[in-house]
Protein backbone atom coordinates (compact mmCIF):
# COMPACT_ATOMS: atom_id res chain seq x y z
CA UNK A 1 4.91 3.82 62.03
CA UNK A 2 5.74 7.11 60.31
CA UNK A 3 8.78 5.53 58.63
CA UNK A 4 6.66 2.57 57.52
CA UNK A 5 4.08 4.94 56.01
CA UNK A 6 6.69 6.98 54.14
CA UNK A 7 8.25 3.77 52.82
CA UNK A 8 4.93 2.58 51.40
CA UNK A 9 4.05 5.96 49.93
CA UNK A 10 7.37 6.45 48.16
CA UNK A 11 7.93 2.87 47.02
CA UNK A 12 8.08 2.17 43.25
CA UNK A 13 8.03 -1.42 41.91
CA UNK A 14 11.11 -2.48 39.98
CA UNK A 15 10.73 -3.89 36.46
CA UNK A 16 11.39 -7.56 35.93
CA UNK A 17 13.61 -9.02 33.25
CA UNK A 18 11.99 -7.98 29.98
CA UNK A 19 12.10 -7.94 26.19
CA UNK A 20 13.29 -4.82 24.43
CA UNK A 21 11.61 -2.97 21.58
CA UNK A 22 14.29 -4.13 19.11
CA UNK A 23 13.70 -7.76 20.05
CA UNK A 24 9.96 -7.39 19.58
CA UNK A 25 10.42 -5.74 16.16
CA UNK A 26 12.86 -8.44 15.03
CA UNK A 27 10.46 -11.14 16.16
CA UNK A 28 7.60 -9.42 14.32
CA UNK A 29 9.56 -9.14 11.08
CA UNK A 30 10.50 -12.83 11.31
CA UNK A 31 7.25 -14.47 12.35
CA UNK A 32 4.16 -12.39 11.57
CA UNK A 33 1.76 -13.46 8.84
CA UNK A 34 2.26 -10.12 7.06
CA UNK A 35 6.02 -10.72 6.92
CA UNK A 36 5.57 -14.18 5.36
CA UNK A 37 3.07 -12.84 2.84
CA UNK A 38 5.39 -9.98 1.86
CA UNK A 39 8.35 -12.31 1.38
CA UNK A 40 6.32 -14.75 -0.71
CA UNK A 41 5.09 -11.88 -2.86
CA UNK A 42 8.64 -10.64 -3.37
CA UNK A 43 9.76 -14.18 -4.25
CA UNK A 44 6.98 -14.32 -6.84
CA UNK A 45 8.26 -11.13 -8.48
CA UNK A 46 11.84 -12.45 -8.43
CA UNK A 47 10.78 -15.64 -10.22
CA UNK A 48 8.62 -13.64 -12.66
CA UNK A 49 11.61 -11.46 -13.53
CA UNK A 50 13.85 -14.54 -13.86
CA UNK A 51 11.32 -16.00 -16.31
CA UNK A 52 11.33 -12.72 -18.25
CA UNK A 53 15.14 -12.78 -18.47
CA UNK A 54 15.12 -16.45 -19.53
CA UNK A 55 12.73 -15.73 -22.41
CA UNK A 56 15.14 -13.09 -23.73
CA UNK A 57 17.84 -15.74 -24.20
CA UNK A 58 18.04 -18.08 -27.22
CA UNK A 59 15.06 -20.48 -27.35
CA UNK A 60 15.35 -23.97 -28.86
CA UNK A 61 12.07 -25.69 -29.67
CA UNK A 62 11.16 -29.03 -31.26
CA UNK A 63 7.66 -29.09 -32.73
CA UNK A 64 5.97 -32.25 -34.01
CA UNK A 65 2.64 -32.00 -35.82
CA UNK A 66 0.85 -35.17 -37.00
CA UNK A 67 -2.09 -34.52 -39.32
CA UNK A 68 -4.81 -36.63 -40.97
CA UNK A 69 -7.60 -35.62 -43.28
CA UNK A 70 -10.01 -37.30 -45.68
CA UNK A 71 -11.36 -35.86 -48.91
CA UNK A 72 -15.04 -36.74 -49.37
CA UNK A 73 -16.54 -36.25 -52.89
CA UNK A 74 -18.91 -38.13 -55.16
CA UNK A 75 -17.59 -41.73 -55.21
CA UNK A 76 -18.57 -42.04 -58.88
CA UNK A 77 -16.37 -39.13 -59.86
CA UNK A 78 -12.66 -39.67 -60.14
CA UNK A 79 -11.26 -36.83 -62.13
CA UNK A 80 -7.61 -35.88 -62.12
CA UNK A 81 -8.28 -32.75 -60.17
CA UNK A 82 -10.75 -34.35 -57.74
CA UNK A 83 -9.51 -37.55 -56.18
CA UNK A 84 -10.96 -39.43 -53.27
CA UNK A 85 -8.17 -40.18 -50.83
CA UNK A 86 -7.03 -40.18 -47.22
CA UNK A 87 -3.88 -38.40 -46.28
CA UNK A 88 -1.66 -38.74 -43.23
CA UNK A 89 1.27 -36.37 -42.75
CA UNK A 90 3.75 -35.53 -40.02
CA UNK A 91 6.00 -32.50 -39.80
CA UNK A 92 8.95 -31.97 -37.50
CA UNK A 93 10.51 -28.56 -36.92
CA UNK A 94 13.58 -27.69 -34.89
CA UNK A 95 13.85 -23.94 -34.40
CA UNK A 96 16.41 -21.79 -32.60
CA UNK A 97 15.13 -18.24 -32.09
CA UNK A 98 16.51 -15.12 -30.50
CA UNK A 99 14.90 -11.78 -29.77
CA UNK A 100 16.84 -8.93 -31.33
CA UNK A 101 16.46 -6.49 -28.46
CA UNK A 102 17.91 -3.49 -30.22
CA UNK A 103 15.54 -3.67 -33.19
CA UNK A 104 12.46 -5.28 -31.67
CA UNK A 105 12.29 -8.28 -34.01
CA UNK A 106 12.99 -12.03 -33.91
CA UNK A 107 15.83 -13.83 -35.67
CA UNK A 108 15.62 -17.58 -36.15
CA UNK A 109 17.48 -20.52 -37.63
CA UNK A 110 16.06 -24.00 -37.95
CA UNK A 111 15.41 -27.19 -39.83
CA UNK A 112 12.16 -28.81 -40.98
CA UNK A 113 11.00 -32.10 -42.47
CA UNK A 114 7.56 -33.18 -43.78
CA UNK A 115 6.33 -36.72 -44.55
CA UNK A 116 3.04 -37.25 -46.39
CA UNK A 117 1.35 -40.62 -47.07
CA UNK A 118 -1.72 -40.94 -49.37
CA UNK A 119 -4.32 -43.74 -49.29
CA UNK A 120 -6.71 -44.03 -52.25
CA UNK A 121 -10.13 -45.63 -51.99
CA UNK A 122 -9.42 -47.94 -54.91
CA UNK A 123 -5.99 -48.86 -53.57
CA UNK A 124 -4.24 -46.84 -56.26
CA UNK A 125 -1.80 -45.31 -53.86
CA UNK A 126 -0.06 -42.10 -54.62
CA UNK A 127 3.63 -42.08 -53.86
CA UNK A 128 4.63 -40.84 -50.43
CA UNK A 129 6.31 -37.46 -50.29
CA UNK A 130 9.19 -36.16 -48.21
CA UNK A 131 10.02 -32.48 -48.02
CA UNK A 132 13.07 -31.31 -46.08
CA UNK A 133 14.50 -27.91 -45.35
CA UNK A 134 17.89 -28.63 -43.75
CA UNK A 135 18.63 -24.99 -43.04
CA UNK A 136 16.29 -22.01 -42.74
CA UNK A 137 17.51 -18.60 -41.56
CA UNK A 138 15.13 -15.69 -41.15
CA UNK A 139 14.12 -12.51 -39.43
CA UNK A 140 10.67 -11.09 -38.75
CA UNK A 141 9.48 -7.81 -37.32
CA UNK A 142 6.23 -5.96 -37.24
CA UNK A 143 5.36 -2.31 -36.78
CA UNK A 144 8.61 -0.73 -37.89
CA UNK A 145 9.83 2.01 -35.57
CA UNK A 146 8.28 0.51 -32.43
CA UNK A 147 10.47 -1.68 -30.21
CA UNK A 148 8.36 -3.62 -27.67
CA UNK A 149 11.40 -5.34 -26.11
CA UNK A 150 12.89 -2.05 -24.96
CA UNK A 151 9.63 -1.13 -23.25
CA UNK A 152 9.24 -4.61 -21.74
CA UNK A 153 12.69 -4.31 -20.18
CA UNK A 154 11.89 -0.93 -18.68
CA UNK A 155 8.56 -2.17 -17.26
CA UNK A 156 9.98 -5.40 -15.82
CA UNK A 157 12.93 -3.62 -14.20
CA UNK A 158 10.55 -1.12 -12.64
CA UNK A 159 8.22 -3.91 -11.48
CA UNK A 160 11.04 -5.81 -9.73
CA UNK A 161 12.37 -2.65 -8.11
CA UNK A 162 8.87 -1.79 -6.91
CA UNK A 163 8.53 -5.28 -5.42
CA UNK A 164 11.83 -4.92 -3.58
CA UNK A 165 10.86 -1.54 -2.16
CA UNK A 166 7.42 -2.86 -1.28
CA UNK A 167 9.00 -5.67 0.75
CA UNK A 168 11.16 -3.21 2.69
CA UNK A 169 8.16 -0.96 3.16
CA UNK A 170 6.03 -3.81 4.51
CA UNK A 171 8.76 -4.82 6.95
CA UNK A 172 8.89 -1.25 8.23
CA UNK A 173 5.10 -1.21 8.51
CA UNK A 174 5.38 -4.37 10.60
CA UNK A 175 7.90 -2.58 12.80
CA UNK A 176 5.42 0.30 13.17
CA UNK A 177 2.58 -1.99 14.20
CA UNK A 178 4.84 -3.91 16.57
CA UNK A 179 5.92 -0.60 18.13
CA UNK A 180 2.31 0.47 18.67
CA UNK A 181 1.40 -2.81 20.33
CA UNK A 182 4.63 -2.82 22.31
CA UNK A 183 3.91 0.58 23.81
CA UNK A 184 0.28 -0.27 24.39
CA UNK A 185 1.51 -3.10 26.62
CA UNK A 186 4.31 -0.97 28.08
CA UNK A 187 1.87 1.82 29.00
CA UNK A 188 -0.58 -0.74 30.40
CA UNK A 189 2.19 -2.20 32.56
CA UNK A 190 3.16 1.28 33.73
CA UNK A 191 -0.44 2.07 34.62
CA UNK A 192 -0.74 -1.28 36.38
CA UNK A 193 2.36 -0.51 38.43
CA UNK A 194 0.93 2.87 39.32
CA UNK A 195 -2.45 1.38 40.32
CA UNK A 196 -0.78 -1.29 42.44
CA UNK A 197 1.30 1.37 44.13
CA UNK A 198 -1.77 3.50 44.76
CA UNK A 199 -3.68 0.52 46.18
CA UNK A 200 -0.83 -0.30 48.54
CA UNK A 201 -0.72 3.33 49.60
CA UNK A 202 -4.50 3.48 50.07
CA UNK A 203 -4.48 0.25 52.13
CA UNK A 204 -1.68 1.53 54.34
CA UNK A 205 -3.29 4.92 54.88
CA UNK A 206 -6.64 3.36 55.67
CA UNK A 207 -5.09 0.91 58.13
CA UNK A 208 -3.21 3.70 59.92
CA UNK A 209 -6.28 5.95 59.91
CA UNK A 210 -8.36 3.22 61.55
CA UNK A 211 -5.79 2.97 64.36
CA UNK A 212 -5.78 6.75 64.75
CA UNK A 213 -9.58 6.82 64.75
CA UNK A 214 -9.50 4.57 67.82
CA UNK A 215 -7.70 7.28 69.73
CA UNK A 216 -9.74 10.11 68.16
CA UNK A 217 -6.87 11.55 66.13
CA UNK A 218 -8.70 11.13 62.77
CA UNK A 219 -12.13 12.54 62.01
CA UNK A 220 -14.91 10.38 60.65
CA UNK A 221 -14.98 12.39 57.39
CA UNK A 222 -11.25 11.79 56.85
CA UNK A 223 -11.66 8.09 57.56
CA UNK A 224 -14.53 7.84 55.07
CA UNK A 225 -12.47 9.74 52.48
CA UNK A 226 -9.63 7.23 52.90
CA UNK A 227 -12.08 4.36 52.60
CA UNK A 228 -13.44 5.82 49.34
CA UNK A 229 -9.89 6.35 48.07
CA UNK A 230 -9.09 2.72 48.84
CA UNK A 231 -12.20 1.53 46.96
CA UNK A 232 -11.33 3.68 43.94
CA UNK A 233 -7.79 2.29 43.95
CA UNK A 234 -9.16 -1.28 43.91
CA UNK A 235 -11.45 -0.50 40.95
CA UNK A 236 -8.66 1.25 39.07
CA UNK A 237 -6.34 -1.72 39.67
CA UNK A 238 -8.96 -4.12 38.30
CA UNK A 239 -9.35 -2.03 35.13
CA UNK A 240 -5.56 -1.73 34.72
CA UNK A 241 -5.15 -5.51 34.96
CA UNK A 242 -7.77 -6.06 32.29
CA UNK A 243 -6.12 -3.55 29.96
CA UNK A 244 -2.69 -5.09 30.58
CA UNK A 245 -4.04 -8.55 29.77
CA UNK A 246 -5.67 -7.35 26.54
CA UNK A 247 -2.48 -5.54 25.46
CA UNK A 248 -0.38 -8.62 26.25
CA UNK A 249 -2.65 -10.91 24.24
CA UNK A 250 -2.72 -8.43 21.35
CA UNK A 251 1.07 -8.30 21.14
CA UNK A 252 1.50 -12.07 21.53
CA UNK A 253 -1.12 -12.74 18.86
CA UNK A 254 0.56 -10.36 16.41
CA UNK A 255 3.95 -11.96 17.02
CA UNK A 256 2.47 -15.47 16.89
CA UNK A 257 4.31 -16.37 20.06
CA UNK A 258 3.72 -17.24 23.70
CA UNK A 259 6.81 -15.40 24.96
CA UNK A 260 4.70 -12.92 26.94
CA UNK A 261 3.23 -14.89 29.85
CA UNK A 262 1.63 -13.09 32.73
CA UNK A 263 4.27 -11.36 34.82
CA UNK A 264 6.81 -10.84 32.01
CA UNK A 265 7.91 -7.24 31.52
CA UNK A 266 9.04 -5.04 28.66
CA UNK A 267 12.15 -2.91 28.65
CA UNK A 268 11.03 0.54 27.53
CA UNK A 269 13.71 2.50 25.60
CA UNK A 270 14.41 5.87 27.14
CA UNK A 271 17.26 7.25 25.02
CA UNK A 272 16.18 9.50 22.15
CA UNK A 273 17.58 8.58 18.74
CA UNK A 274 18.63 11.27 16.32
CA UNK A 275 18.52 10.81 12.55
CA UNK A 276 21.79 12.16 11.07
CA UNK A 277 20.00 13.79 8.14
CA UNK A 278 18.47 17.11 7.34
CA UNK A 279 14.82 17.46 6.40
CA UNK A 280 15.67 17.76 2.71
CA UNK A 281 17.83 14.62 2.87
CA UNK A 282 14.98 12.76 4.57
CA UNK A 283 12.58 13.90 1.85
CA UNK A 284 15.01 12.77 -0.86
CA UNK A 285 15.35 9.35 0.80
CA UNK A 286 11.57 9.03 1.07
CA UNK A 287 11.15 9.79 -2.65
CA UNK A 288 13.88 7.36 -3.67
CA UNK A 289 12.55 4.49 -1.52
CA UNK A 290 8.80 4.98 -1.77
CA UNK A 291 7.10 1.87 -3.22
CA UNK A 292 4.05 3.97 -4.12
CA UNK A 293 6.18 6.26 -6.29
CA UNK A 294 7.99 3.29 -7.83
CA UNK A 295 4.72 1.53 -8.68
CA UNK A 296 3.29 4.71 -10.14
CA UNK A 297 6.43 5.20 -12.24
CA UNK A 298 5.94 1.66 -13.52
CA UNK A 299 2.34 2.48 -14.42
CA UNK A 300 3.52 5.65 -16.16
CA UNK A 301 6.07 3.64 -18.16
CA UNK A 302 3.35 1.24 -19.28
CA UNK A 303 1.16 4.18 -20.27
CA UNK A 304 4.02 5.67 -22.32
CA UNK A 305 4.46 2.31 -24.04
CA UNK A 306 0.77 2.20 -24.95
CA UNK A 307 0.91 5.79 -26.20
CA UNK A 308 3.88 5.14 -28.48
CA UNK A 309 2.35 1.93 -29.85
CA UNK A 310 -0.97 3.69 -30.52
CA UNK A 311 0.86 6.56 -32.22
CA UNK A 312 2.71 4.13 -34.51
CA UNK A 313 -0.54 2.36 -35.39
CA UNK A 314 -2.46 5.48 -36.38
CA UNK A 315 -1.41 5.15 -40.01
CA UNK A 316 -0.27 2.20 -42.09
CA UNK A 317 1.04 -0.86 -40.28
CA UNK A 318 4.06 -2.63 -41.74
CA UNK A 319 5.45 -6.07 -41.04
CA UNK A 320 8.42 -7.84 -42.63
CA UNK A 321 9.47 -11.50 -42.71
CA UNK A 322 12.68 -12.43 -44.54
CA UNK A 323 14.16 -15.93 -44.67
CA UNK A 324 16.62 -17.91 -46.73
CA UNK A 325 17.23 -21.65 -46.79
CA UNK A 326 17.50 -24.95 -48.65
CA UNK A 327 14.60 -27.17 -49.75
CA UNK A 328 14.03 -30.38 -51.70
CA UNK A 329 11.11 -32.78 -52.40
CA UNK A 330 11.46 -36.50 -53.06
CA UNK A 331 9.68 -39.78 -52.56
CA UNK A 332 12.66 -40.95 -50.51
CA UNK A 333 13.85 -39.30 -47.36
CA UNK A 334 17.52 -39.47 -48.24
CA UNK A 335 16.74 -38.25 -51.72
CA UNK A 336 15.63 -34.94 -50.29
CA UNK A 337 19.14 -34.36 -48.99
CA UNK A 338 20.63 -34.49 -52.49
CA UNK A 339 20.87 -31.35 -54.54
CA UNK A 340 18.68 -29.15 -52.33
CA UNK A 341 17.46 -25.96 -53.90
CA UNK A 342 18.19 -22.54 -52.50
CA UNK A 343 15.18 -20.38 -51.80
CA UNK A 344 14.75 -16.83 -50.58
CA UNK A 345 11.43 -15.45 -49.37
CA UNK A 346 10.76 -11.87 -48.51
CA UNK A 347 7.33 -10.81 -47.32
CA UNK A 348 6.15 -7.34 -46.50
CA UNK A 349 2.70 -6.97 -44.95
CA UNK A 350 1.19 -3.53 -45.36
CA UNK A 351 -2.10 -2.65 -43.67
CA UNK A 352 -3.72 0.66 -44.53
CA UNK A 353 -6.91 1.65 -42.69
CA UNK A 354 -9.24 3.04 -45.35
CA UNK A 355 -12.25 3.46 -43.10
CA UNK A 356 -12.02 2.75 -39.36
CA UNK A 357 -14.25 5.63 -38.23
CA UNK A 358 -11.35 7.19 -36.35
CA UNK A 359 -10.64 4.09 -34.21
CA UNK A 360 -6.85 4.37 -34.47
CA UNK A 361 -6.89 8.11 -33.82
CA UNK A 362 -9.21 7.72 -30.84
CA UNK A 363 -7.07 4.88 -29.49
CA UNK A 364 -4.04 7.17 -29.58
CA UNK A 365 -6.02 9.95 -27.90
CA UNK A 366 -7.11 7.54 -25.14
CA UNK A 367 -3.52 6.36 -24.63
CA UNK A 368 -2.33 9.98 -24.46
CA UNK A 369 -5.01 10.81 -21.89
CA UNK A 370 -4.01 7.78 -19.82
CA UNK A 371 -0.37 8.88 -19.90
CA UNK A 372 -1.34 12.35 -18.66
CA UNK A 373 -3.52 10.80 -15.96
CA UNK A 374 -0.62 8.64 -14.72
CA UNK A 375 1.67 11.67 -14.78
CA UNK A 376 -0.71 13.66 -12.61
CA UNK A 377 -1.14 10.69 -10.27
CA UNK A 378 2.63 10.51 -9.83
CA UNK A 379 2.77 14.20 -8.94
CA UNK A 380 -0.03 13.75 -6.41
CA UNK A 381 1.75 10.82 -4.76
CA UNK A 382 4.95 12.85 -4.53
CA UNK A 383 3.04 15.79 -3.01
CA UNK A 384 1.30 13.54 -0.48
CA UNK A 385 4.60 11.89 0.45
CA UNK A 386 6.29 15.25 0.93
CA UNK A 387 3.45 16.37 3.20
CA UNK A 388 3.66 13.16 5.23
CA UNK A 389 7.43 13.51 5.66
CA UNK A 390 7.26 17.12 6.81
CA UNK A 391 4.42 16.42 9.26
CA UNK A 392 6.26 13.39 10.63
CA UNK A 393 9.50 15.34 11.11
CA UNK A 394 7.63 18.13 12.89
CA UNK A 395 5.81 15.61 15.09
CA UNK A 396 9.06 13.90 15.94
CA UNK A 397 10.62 17.16 17.08
CA UNK A 398 7.50 18.00 19.06
CA UNK A 399 7.51 14.61 20.76
CA UNK A 400 11.19 15.03 21.60
CA UNK A 401 10.49 18.29 23.40
CA UNK A 402 7.39 16.87 25.08
CA UNK A 403 9.35 13.84 26.25
CA UNK A 404 11.98 16.05 27.88
CA UNK A 405 9.31 18.14 29.60
CA UNK A 406 7.35 15.11 30.86
CA UNK A 407 10.53 13.52 32.21
CA UNK A 408 11.18 16.70 34.18
CA UNK A 409 7.54 16.76 35.32
CA UNK A 410 7.74 13.14 36.57
CA UNK A 411 10.90 13.89 38.56
CA UNK A 412 9.35 17.01 40.08
CA UNK A 413 6.04 15.25 40.82
CA UNK A 414 7.89 12.42 42.62
CA UNK A 415 9.76 14.93 44.80
CA UNK A 416 6.58 16.87 45.60
CA UNK A 417 4.69 13.69 46.44
CA UNK A 418 7.47 12.43 48.71
CA UNK A 419 7.49 15.74 50.63
CA UNK A 420 3.69 15.77 50.85
CA UNK A 421 3.64 12.17 52.04
CA UNK A 422 6.12 13.00 54.79
CA UNK A 423 4.10 16.07 55.81
CA UNK A 424 0.91 14.02 55.91
CA UNK A 425 2.59 11.37 58.05
CA UNK A 426 3.75 14.09 60.45
CA UNK A 427 0.29 15.67 60.51
CA UNK A 428 1.37 18.83 58.71
CA UNK A 429 -1.22 18.59 55.90
CA UNK A 430 -4.64 17.04 55.37
CA UNK A 431 -5.79 14.18 53.17
CA UNK A 432 -6.93 16.50 50.38
CA UNK A 433 -3.44 17.93 49.95
CA UNK A 434 -1.98 14.45 49.92
CA UNK A 435 -4.55 13.21 47.35
CA UNK A 436 -3.86 16.21 45.13
CA UNK A 437 -0.11 15.48 45.16
CA UNK A 438 -0.78 11.84 44.35
CA UNK A 439 -3.07 12.70 41.42
CA UNK A 440 -0.51 15.12 40.04
CA UNK A 441 2.18 12.48 40.22
CA UNK A 442 -0.05 9.93 38.48
CA UNK A 443 -1.00 12.43 35.79
CA UNK A 444 2.65 13.35 35.16
CA UNK A 445 3.60 9.68 34.84
CA UNK A 446 0.69 9.02 32.47
CA UNK A 447 1.72 11.96 30.27
CA UNK A 448 5.29 10.67 30.24
CA UNK A 449 4.18 7.23 29.03
CA UNK A 450 2.01 8.81 26.31
CA UNK A 451 4.87 11.04 25.16
CA UNK A 452 7.25 8.08 25.09
CA UNK A 453 4.85 6.00 23.00
CA UNK A 454 4.17 8.94 20.67
CA UNK A 455 7.86 9.57 20.10
CA UNK A 456 8.79 5.99 19.24
CA UNK A 457 5.79 5.35 16.99
CA UNK A 458 6.56 8.59 15.13
CA UNK A 459 10.23 7.63 14.90
CA UNK A 460 9.46 4.26 13.34
CA UNK A 461 6.94 5.85 10.98
CA UNK A 462 9.73 8.09 9.74
CA UNK A 463 11.89 5.01 9.25
CA UNK A 464 9.05 3.52 7.21
CA UNK A 465 8.92 6.57 4.97
CA UNK A 466 12.68 6.69 4.41
CA UNK A 467 13.33 2.92 4.74
CA UNK A 468 16.43 3.88 6.69
CA UNK A 469 17.98 0.98 8.58
């Protein structure tokens, strides 16, 4: 009977075949709603950038414009300069344009034709007109000295890079959340194992004590203590089962899977991973891969663009439009192709604000203030990130030490409990000593599970900050 008691007291349930932390994280990054949303958002930014790049290539456009209008005057008046007529016209324009990225203007080459038909009220038709411009070459640019295309390129590149880093960041956040839920279930399973073990122990002790009470070898107080211990073990087991079920459902719901039926077990990683980087290297990686910093840099670039544009618009605004081509008018379409005339048009638009009540100056001051605000926001994000990295690194080291200490405490508590159980079976100690050894073992195991969960969640948070694979 003593051997049977020691066997029950020292038994520890073996883990079933289980899923590892890496498998759970991979499943989370493949199937969670957050992962799908992040990938769709990144795909949107890829297509937006592809559209931006496509618009910077040569654009060929055919534009057709039919037009009808009617002149309504006094029907009794029919002067040379006031005629009552209906007019129908159609213009067709084929235009090939290209953004000149280095200068910030638009160059174009095209061809245009116009057909006009007149209908008089008294049937005295005017001759139809055809106007053709076989070749037109031109260039237009506004706000000399300011190149919007250069700024657009910088902003779009930064926006795509921020989207890429945001996707990686979201996948690491998913790994963090999966790790938290994984260890919630792992700790719940560990506590359930411990409660089942304690219930088995309490049942065995109570059964043996009842037999000893029949031969007056166990006092009534000791028997009642064992009965209370057995009842507490049953209640603790019931609570542990509920917590394990909630943790299992939470993890399965997050992973959108049913791969965690009742009775399935998790494989808890025990080996500590070391990052092969110094603290300064980790901080540099966090700065380079932070989506928050990248997005703020994009906002700062946009603010600098607004500031430069407002600065250029404080004074006179200048726009130029130069084109050269061929043109001819005739009542016959083919006649317009004979002897076309060369024309050159140069237009310079100059806008000088004589009285705007300081609107341009205040607009530049607002843009400058916004640029300074975005600069300070970037510095604050960098400071916050640096603080987060240093705290996380310190926590990771602390959890490493705590994990080593709790592992040692679990081993020592198991040895002490085994010796105490043997002494209690041989009658060398009382029930209070045995209960104290059992509580110490349970407390050591609980601290070990907490340290293990704290280490791995901190580890994956550091991976999130650095986006290290």
